[in-house]
């Protein structure tokens, strides 16, 4: 049996041609030809079984054979809001692995102690797309832009909100037990904020708490920013088991 080949095609149901980058991968790398079967993902909950019609140098058109709506793989919708690290390879690694594990959106924070103040999200979005195909996720996480911390917490974010920090003399709840003991509901929004390498400042934590965020901890270990982001995604998923 041939391995199923998955491709990311936004608006796949209303199109008949793959994006050029996906087409080149299908034709040059996987060497698909007219009549071959493939599977398309639209990133908003659907798979499509399709057949290659035209296989040209840079063009690949298709015919849809079957629409395959997918059920959500987890309860709730996780938004991970994180301050990017100075070294982007660490953030790229985190975004890739978090996508594979399961997250709905990435937001990026510009905090007082952030070492990175500017972020180009085009490459991150490509990494997310590749991870979606690799892990066969029906929903593609939304990749947001860099937002100043004060602006982010004051936008009236819906659902449950947590700010994870390492400031010992400020109260915190253990995030795992908090989510386990207060089960996540279907379609409930959960936002988890992770600070920069120098952590959030006490003033930032206080501002977030005044905006409805619950202060939380990810455990006893002091984690790097990218590790903390991945642990937060893990906790979200494990708390539902």
C-alpha atoms as a PDB file:
ATOM      1  CA  UNK A   1       0.000   0.000   0.000  1.00  0.00           C
ATOM      2  CA  UNK A   2       1.348   3.400  -0.976  1.00  0.00           C
ATOM      3  CA  UNK A   3       1.897   5.965   1.766  1.00  0.00           C
ATOM      4  CA  UNK A   4      -0.698   8.726   1.793  1.00  0.00           C
ATOM      5  CA  UNK A   5       0.708  12.027   0.582  1.00  0.00           C
ATOM      6  CA  UNK A   6      -0.617  15.140   2.338  1.00  0.00           C
ATOM      7  CA  UNK A   7      -0.384  18.700   1.025  1.00  0.00           C
ATOM      8  CA  UNK A   8      -1.477  22.017   2.507  1.00  0.00           C
ATOM      9  CA  UNK A   9      -3.892  23.794   0.172  1.00  0.00           C
ATOM     10  CA  UNK A  10      -5.881  26.675   1.706  1.00  0.00           C
ATOM     11  CA  UNK A  11      -9.402  26.879   0.244  1.00  0.00           C
ATOM     12  CA  UNK A  12      -8.844  23.474  -1.322  1.00  0.00           C
ATOM     13  CA  UNK A  13     -12.576  22.970  -1.899  1.00  0.00           C
ATOM     14  CA  UNK A  14     -12.872  26.084  -4.071  1.00  0.00           C
ATOM     15  CA  UNK A  15      -9.593  25.670  -5.974  1.00  0.00           C
ATOM     16  CA  UNK A  16      -8.398  23.259  -8.623  1.00  0.00           C
ATOM     17  CA  UNK A  17      -4.672  24.001  -8.521  1.00  0.00           C
ATOM     18  CA  UNK A  18      -2.088  23.532  -5.787  1.00  0.00           C
ATOM     19  CA  UNK A  19       0.108  26.440  -4.627  1.00  0.00           C
ATOM     20  CA  UNK A  20       3.364  26.485  -6.589  1.00  0.00           C
ATOM     21  CA  UNK A  21       5.566  25.430  -3.665  1.00  0.00           C
ATOM     22  CA  UNK A  22       3.340  22.447  -2.886  1.00  0.00           C
ATOM     23  CA  UNK A  23       3.079  21.583  -6.570  1.00  0.00           C
ATOM     24  CA  UNK A  24       6.857  21.515  -6.987  1.00  0.00           C
ATOM     25  CA  UNK A  25       7.204  19.263  -3.934  1.00  0.00           C
ATOM     26  CA  UNK A  26       4.523  16.915  -5.268  1.00  0.00           C
ATOM     27  CA  UNK A  27       5.985  16.735  -8.758  1.00  0.00           C
ATOM     28  CA  UNK A  28       9.755  17.063  -8.307  1.00  0.00           C
ATOM     29  CA  UNK A  29      10.281  15.360  -4.946  1.00  0.00           C
ATOM     30  CA  UNK A  30       7.436  12.848  -4.745  1.00  0.00           C
ATOM     31  CA  UNK A  31       7.162  12.510  -8.541  1.00  0.00           C
ATOM     32  CA  UNK A  32       3.375  12.354  -8.622  1.00  0.00           C
ATOM     33  CA  UNK A  33       1.817  12.107 -12.047  1.00  0.00           C
ATOM     34  CA  UNK A  34      -1.627  12.368 -13.634  1.00  0.00           C
ATOM     35  CA  UNK A  35      -4.052   9.915 -12.058  1.00  0.00           C
ATOM     36  CA  UNK A  36      -2.164   9.586  -8.758  1.00  0.00           C
ATOM     37  CA  UNK A  37      -4.122   9.921  -5.522  1.00  0.00           C
ATOM     38  CA  UNK A  38      -3.201  12.511  -2.896  1.00  0.00           C
ATOM     39  CA  UNK A  39      -4.720  14.136   0.172  1.00  0.00           C
ATOM     40  CA  UNK A  40      -5.160  17.867   0.686  1.00  0.00           C
ATOM     41  CA  UNK A  41      -5.477  19.733   3.996  1.00  0.00           C
ATOM     42  CA  UNK A  42      -7.164  23.134   4.144  1.00  0.00           C
ATOM     43  CA  UNK A  43      -5.990  23.981   7.671  1.00  0.00           C
ATOM     44  CA  UNK A  44      -9.516  24.628   8.952  1.00  0.00           C
ATOM     45  CA  UNK A  45     -10.670  21.103   9.738  1.00  0.00           C
ATOM     46  CA  UNK A  46     -10.942  19.240   6.444  1.00  0.00           C
ATOM     47  CA  UNK A  47      -9.044  16.619   4.480  1.00  0.00           C
ATOM     48  CA  UNK A  48      -9.784  16.023   0.807  1.00  0.00           C
ATOM     49  CA  UNK A  49      -9.025  12.939  -1.221  1.00  0.00           C
ATOM     50  CA  UNK A  50      -7.991  14.146  -4.643  1.00  0.00           C
ATOM     51  CA  UNK A  51      -6.572  12.966  -7.950  1.00  0.00           C
ATOM     52  CA  UNK A  52      -3.845  14.666  -9.938  1.00  0.00           C
ATOM     53  CA  UNK A  53      -5.153  15.882 -13.280  1.00  0.00           C
ATOM     54  CA  UNK A  54      -2.339  18.005 -14.728  1.00  0.00           C
ATOM     55  CA  UNK A  55       1.288  17.400 -13.725  1.00  0.00           C
ATOM     56  CA  UNK A  56       3.439  20.094 -15.334  1.00  0.00           C
ATOM     57  CA  UNK A  57       6.812  21.557 -14.321  1.00  0.00           C
ATOM     58  CA  UNK A  58       5.475  24.040 -11.779  1.00  0.00           C
ATOM     59  CA  UNK A  59       1.763  23.351 -11.950  1.00  0.00           C
ATOM     60  CA  UNK A  60      -0.376  20.638 -10.455  1.00  0.00           C
ATOM     61  CA  UNK A  61      -4.129  20.687 -10.888  1.00  0.00           C
ATOM     62  CA  UNK A  62      -6.423  18.256  -9.149  1.00  0.00           C
ATOM     63  CA  UNK A  63      -9.929  16.843  -9.009  1.00  0.00           C
ATOM     64  CA  UNK A  64     -11.615  16.378  -5.635  1.00  0.00           C
ATOM     65  CA  UNK A  65     -12.913  12.867  -5.028  1.00  0.00           C
ATOM     66  CA  UNK A  66     -14.029  13.046  -1.406  1.00  0.00           C
ATOM     67  CA  UNK A  67     -14.426  15.612   1.383  1.00  0.00           C
ATOM     68  CA  UNK A  68     -13.347  14.271   4.780  1.00  0.00           C
ATOM     69  CA  UNK A  69     -14.297  16.586   7.705  1.00  0.00           C
ATOM     70  CA  UNK A  70     -12.131  15.920  10.771  1.00  0.00           C
ATOM     71  CA  UNK A  71     -13.166  15.961  14.426  1.00  0.00           C
ATOM     72  CA  UNK A  72     -11.082  18.156  16.760  1.00  0.00           C
ATOM     73  CA  UNK A  73      -8.274  16.213  18.429  1.00  0.00           C
ATOM     74  CA  UNK A  74      -8.534  18.049  21.748  1.00  0.00           C
ATOM     75  CA  UNK A  75     -10.933  20.105  23.810  1.00  0.00           C
ATOM     76  CA  UNK A  76     -10.686  23.859  23.927  1.00  0.00           C
ATOM     77  CA  UNK A  77      -8.502  26.189  21.872  1.00  0.00           C
ATOM     78  CA  UNK A  78      -4.995  26.841  23.105  1.00  0.00           C
ATOM     79  CA  UNK A  79      -3.354  30.186  22.389  1.00  0.00           C
ATOM     80  CA  UNK A  80       0.326  30.239  23.358  1.00  0.00           C
ATOM     81  CA  UNK A  81       1.569  33.798  23.878  1.00  0.00           C
ATOM     82  CA  UNK A  82       5.353  33.818  24.204  1.00  0.00           C
ATOM     83  CA  UNK A  83       8.222  36.309  24.146  1.00  0.00           C
ATOM     84  CA  UNK A  84      10.589  35.242  21.322  1.00  0.00           C
ATOM     85  CA  UNK A  85      14.126  34.275  22.247  1.00  0.00           C
ATOM     86  CA  UNK A  86      17.182  36.159  21.014  1.00  0.00           C
ATOM     87  CA  UNK A  87      18.281  33.097  19.014  1.00  0.00           C
ATOM     88  CA  UNK A  88      15.520  32.373  16.508  1.00  0.00           C
ATOM     89  CA  UNK A  89      16.491  28.733  15.994  1.00  0.00           C
ATOM     90  CA  UNK A  90      15.227  28.020  19.498  1.00  0.00           C
ATOM     91  CA  UNK A  91      11.882  29.644  18.775  1.00  0.00           C
ATOM     92  CA  UNK A  92      11.610  27.841  15.448  1.00  0.00           C
ATOM     93  CA  UNK A  93      12.215  24.516  17.218  1.00  0.00           C
ATOM     94  CA  UNK A  94       9.545  25.307  19.817  1.00  0.00           C
ATOM     95  CA  UNK A  95       6.963  26.346  17.216  1.00  0.00           C
ATOM     96  CA  UNK A  96       7.568  23.171  15.200  1.00  0.00           C
ATOM     97  CA  UNK A  97       7.268  20.807  18.175  1.00  0.00           C
ATOM     98  CA  UNK A  98       4.325  22.642  19.734  1.00  0.00           C
ATOM     99  CA  UNK A  99       2.464  22.368  16.433  1.00  0.00           C
ATOM    100  CA  UNK A 100       3.113  18.635  16.329  1.00  0.00           C
ATOM    101  CA  UNK A 101       1.811  18.211  19.890  1.00  0.00           C
ATOM    102  CA  UNK A 102      -1.216  20.460  19.409  1.00  0.00           C
ATOM    103  CA  UNK A 103      -1.879  24.190  19.653  1.00  0.00           C
ATOM    104  CA  UNK A 104      -4.341  26.534  17.939  1.00  0.00           C
ATOM    105  CA  UNK A 105      -2.472  29.832  17.797  1.00  0.00           C
ATOM    106  CA  UNK A 106       0.886  31.442  18.513  1.00  0.00           C
ATOM    107  CA  UNK A 107       1.043  35.030  19.719  1.00  0.00           C
ATOM    108  CA  UNK A 108       4.353  36.816  20.322  1.00  0.00           C
ATOM    109  CA  UNK A 109       5.037  39.290  23.110  1.00  0.00           C
ATOM    110  CA  UNK A 110       7.370  42.264  23.323  1.00  0.00           C
ATOM    111  CA  UNK A 111       8.061  42.508  27.062  1.00  0.00           C
ATOM    112  CA  UNK A 112      10.175  44.857  29.123  1.00  0.00           C
ATOM    113  CA  UNK A 113      13.003  42.324  29.415  1.00  0.00           C
ATOM    114  CA  UNK A 114      12.679  40.886  25.909  1.00  0.00           C
ATOM    115  CA  UNK A 115      15.982  40.515  24.055  1.00  0.00           C
ATOM    116  CA  UNK A 116      14.184  40.325  20.704  1.00  0.00           C
ATOM    117  CA  UNK A 117      12.025  43.319  19.808  1.00  0.00           C
ATOM    118  CA  UNK A 118      11.363  42.565  16.131  1.00  0.00           C
ATOM    119  CA  UNK A 119      10.007  39.347  14.660  1.00  0.00           C
ATOM    120  CA  UNK A 120       9.462  38.230  11.078  1.00  0.00           C
ATOM    121  CA  UNK A 121       6.792  35.579  11.087  1.00  0.00           C
ATOM    122  CA  UNK A 122       6.958  34.382   7.464  1.00  0.00           C
ATOM    123  CA  UNK A 123       9.534  31.681   8.204  1.00  0.00           C
ATOM    124  CA  UNK A 124       7.710  30.643  11.392  1.00  0.00           C
ATOM    125  CA  UNK A 125       4.507  30.233   9.399  1.00  0.00           C
ATOM    126  CA  UNK A 126       6.311  27.977   6.912  1.00  0.00           C
ATOM    127  CA  UNK A 127       7.659  25.867   9.773  1.00  0.00           C
ATOM    128  CA  UNK A 128       4.152  25.572  11.204  1.00  0.00           C
ATOM    129  CA  UNK A 129       2.804  24.498   7.809  1.00  0.00           C
ATOM    130  CA  UNK A 130       5.465  21.792   7.483  1.00  0.00           C
ATOM    131  CA  UNK A 131       4.736  20.555  11.016  1.00  0.00           C
ATOM    132  CA  UNK A 132       0.999  20.443  10.268  1.00  0.00           C
ATOM    133  CA  UNK A 133       1.624  18.192   7.276  1.00  0.00           C
ATOM    134  CA  UNK A 134       4.125  16.033   9.167  1.00  0.00           C
ATOM    135  CA  UNK A 135       1.764  15.459  12.103  1.00  0.00           C
ATOM    136  CA  UNK A 136      -1.366  15.473   9.918  1.00  0.00           C
ATOM    137  CA  UNK A 137      -3.222  18.119  11.861  1.00  0.00           C
ATOM    138  CA  UNK A 138      -6.529  19.155  10.301  1.00  0.00           C
ATOM    139  CA  UNK A 139      -6.209  22.665  11.756  1.00  0.00           C
ATOM    140  CA  UNK A 140      -3.226  24.912  11.061  1.00  0.00           C
ATOM    141  CA  UNK A 141      -2.215  27.083  14.026  1.00  0.00           C
ATOM    142  CA  UNK A 142      -2.558  30.809  13.466  1.00  0.00           C
ATOM    143  CA  UNK A 143       0.787  32.639  13.628  1.00  0.00           C
ATOM    144  CA  UNK A 144       0.297  36.126  15.076  1.00  0.00           C
ATOM    145  CA  UNK A 145       2.522  39.189  14.989  1.00  0.00           C
ATOM    146  CA  UNK A 146       4.708  40.647  17.723  1.00  0.00           C
ATOM    147  CA  UNK A 147       2.580  42.708  20.143  1.00  0.00           C
ATOM    148  CA  UNK A 148       3.663  44.951  23.044  1.00  0.00           C
ATOM    149  CA  UNK A 149       2.864  43.254  26.349  1.00  0.00           C
ATOM    150  CA  UNK A 150       0.627  46.031  27.694  1.00  0.00           C
ATOM    151  CA  UNK A 151      -1.368  46.129  24.485  1.00  0.00           C
ATOM    152  CA  UNK A 152      -1.785  42.348  24.449  1.00  0.00           C
ATOM    153  CA  UNK A 153      -3.137  41.970  27.979  1.00  0.00           C
ATOM    154  CA  UNK A 154      -5.525  44.893  27.571  1.00  0.00           C
ATOM    155  CA  UNK A 155      -7.301  43.604  24.449  1.00  0.00           C
ATOM    156  CA  UNK A 156     -10.028  41.725  26.306  1.00  0.00           C
ATOM    157  CA  UNK A 157      -8.799  38.212  25.526  1.00  0.00           C
ATOM    158  CA  UNK A 158     -11.702  35.750  25.968  1.00  0.00           C
ATOM    159  CA  UNK A 159     -11.692  32.530  27.970  1.00  0.00           C
ATOM    160  CA  UNK A 160      -9.277  31.371  30.647  1.00  0.00           C
ATOM    161  CA  UNK A 161      -5.962  33.208  30.842  1.00  0.00           C
ATOM    162  CA  UNK A 162      -2.724  32.290  32.618  1.00  0.00           C
ATOM    163  CA  UNK A 163       0.601  34.065  33.018  1.00  0.00           C
ATOM    164  CA  UNK A 164       3.480  31.730  33.901  1.00  0.00           C
ATOM    165  CA  UNK A 165       6.359  33.309  35.804  1.00  0.00           C
ATOM    166  CA  UNK A 166       9.213  32.440  38.194  1.00  0.00           C
ATOM    167  CA  UNK A 167       8.876  35.266  40.727  1.00  0.00           C
ATOM    168  CA  UNK A 168       8.966  33.360  44.032  1.00  0.00           C
ATOM    169  CA  UNK A 169       7.380  35.959  46.312  1.00  0.00           C
ATOM    170  CA  UNK A 170       4.308  36.331  44.085  1.00  0.00           C
ATOM    171  CA  UNK A 171       1.474  33.746  44.361  1.00  0.00           C
ATOM    172  CA  UNK A 172       1.157  31.148  41.611  1.00  0.00           C
ATOM    173  CA  UNK A 173      -0.952  28.098  40.857  1.00  0.00           C
ATOM    174  CA  UNK A 174       0.475  24.900  39.424  1.00  0.00           C
ATOM    175  CA  UNK A 175      -0.754  24.976  35.826  1.00  0.00           C
ATOM    176  CA  UNK A 176      -1.085  21.205  35.476  1.00  0.00           C
ATOM    177  CA  UNK A 177      -3.296  20.749  38.519  1.00  0.00           C
ATOM    178  CA  UNK A 178      -5.230  23.903  37.686  1.00  0.00           C
ATOM    179  CA  UNK A 179      -6.173  22.558  34.241  1.00  0.00           C
ATOM    180  CA  UNK A 180      -6.693  19.008  35.465  1.00  0.00           C
ATOM    181  CA  UNK A 181      -8.969  19.992  38.338  1.00  0.00           C
ATOM    182  CA  UNK A 182     -10.893  22.485  36.203  1.00  0.00           C
ATOM    183  CA  UNK A 183     -11.484  20.495  33.005  1.00  0.00           C
ATOM    184  CA  UNK A 184     -11.239  22.306  29.708  1.00  0.00           C
ATOM    185  CA  UNK A 185     -14.547  22.518  27.881  1.00  0.00           C
ATOM    186  CA  UNK A 186     -15.040  22.043  24.137  1.00  0.00           C
ATOM    187  CA  UNK A 187     -14.517  25.331  22.285  1.00  0.00           C
ATOM    188  CA  UNK A 188     -13.217  27.014  25.464  1.00  0.00           C
ATOM    189  CA  UNK A 189     -10.352  29.434  24.814  1.00  0.00           C
ATOM    190  CA  UNK A 190      -7.212  29.007  26.918  1.00  0.00           C
ATOM    191  CA  UNK A 191      -4.386  31.559  26.720  1.00  0.00           C
ATOM    192  CA  UNK A 192      -1.027  30.803  28.353  1.00  0.00           C
ATOM    193  CA  UNK A 193       1.640  33.507  28.459  1.00  0.00           C
ATOM    194  CA  UNK A 194       5.349  32.689  28.683  1.00  0.00           C
ATOM    195  CA  UNK A 195       7.864  35.444  29.384  1.00  0.00           C
ATOM    196  CA  UNK A 196      11.294  36.278  27.930  1.00  0.00           C
ATOM    197  CA  UNK A 197      14.635  34.877  29.086  1.00  0.00           C
ATOM    198  CA  UNK A 198      14.654  37.448  31.898  1.00  0.00           C
ATOM    199  CA  UNK A 199      11.050  36.561  32.856  1.00  0.00           C
ATOM    200  CA  UNK A 200       8.146  38.957  33.243  1.00  0.00           C
ATOM    201  CA  UNK A 201       8.652  41.867  35.615  1.00  0.00           C
ATOM    202  CA  UNK A 202       6.539  42.094  38.794  1.00  0.00           C
ATOM    203  CA  UNK A 203       4.770  45.081  37.205  1.00  0.00           C
ATOM    204  CA  UNK A 204       3.873  43.043  34.132  1.00  0.00           C
ATOM    205  CA  UNK A 205       2.533  40.199  36.261  1.00  0.00           C
ATOM    206  CA  UNK A 206       0.443  42.633  38.308  1.00  0.00           C
ATOM    207  CA  UNK A 207      -0.924  44.238  35.119  1.00  0.00           C
ATOM    208  CA  UNK A 208      -1.851  40.834  33.709  1.00  0.00           C
ATOM    209  CA  UNK A 209      -3.559  39.793  36.939  1.00  0.00           C
ATOM    210  CA  UNK A 210      -5.593  43.003  36.908  1.00  0.00           C
ATOM    211  CA  UNK A 211      -6.674  42.052  33.359  1.00  0.00           C
ATOM    212  CA  UNK A 212      -7.931  38.648  34.505  1.00  0.00           C
ATOM    213  CA  UNK A 213      -4.853  36.462  34.040  1.00  0.00           C
ATOM    214  CA  UNK A 214      -4.186  33.804  36.673  1.00  0.00           C
ATOM    215  CA  UNK A 215      -0.521  33.605  37.786  1.00  0.00           C
ATOM    216  CA  UNK A 216       0.854  30.101  37.317  1.00  0.00           C
ATOM    217  CA  UNK A 217       3.960  27.923  37.489  1.00  0.00           C
ATOM    218  CA  UNK A 218       5.114  25.095  35.235  1.00  0.00           C
ATOM    219  CA  UNK A 219       6.764  23.160  38.065  1.00  0.00           C
ATOM    220  CA  UNK A 220       9.871  23.338  40.219  1.00  0.00           C
ATOM    221  CA  UNK A 221      12.471  23.524  37.453  1.00  0.00           C
ATOM    222  CA  UNK A 222      13.564  26.844  35.999  1.00  0.00           C
ATOM    223  CA  UNK A 223      13.058  26.480  32.267  1.00  0.00           C
ATOM    224  CA  UNK A 224      14.359  28.251  29.193  1.00  0.00           C
ATOM    225  CA  UNK A 225      11.715  30.256  27.355  1.00  0.00           C
ATOM    226  CA  UNK A 226      11.341  27.810  24.469  1.00  0.00           C
ATOM    227  CA  UNK A 227      11.236  24.842  26.865  1.00  0.00           C
ATOM    228  CA  UNK A 228       8.593  26.556  28.967  1.00  0.00           C
ATOM    229  CA  UNK A 229       6.474  27.131  25.872  1.00  0.00           C
ATOM    230  CA  UNK A 230       6.629  23.473  24.942  1.00  0.00           C
ATOM    231  CA  UNK A 231       5.926  22.347  28.515  1.00  0.00           C
ATOM    232  CA  UNK A 232       2.855  24.599  28.622  1.00  0.00           C
ATOM    233  CA  UNK A 233       1.512  22.944  25.459  1.00  0.00           C
ATOM    234  CA  UNK A 234       2.253  19.503  26.940  1.00  0.00           C
ATOM    235  CA  UNK A 235       0.435  20.366  30.162  1.00  0.00           C
ATOM    236  CA  UNK A 236      -2.588  21.580  28.196  1.00  0.00           C
ATOM    237  CA  UNK A 237      -2.747  18.272  26.344  1.00  0.00           C
ATOM    238  CA  UNK A 238      -1.947  15.997  29.301  1.00  0.00           C
ATOM    239  CA  UNK A 239      -4.533  17.676  31.546  1.00  0.00           C
ATOM    240  CA  UNK A 240      -7.233  16.391  29.210  1.00  0.00           C
ATOM    241  CA  UNK A 241      -6.261  12.716  29.480  1.00  0.00           C
END
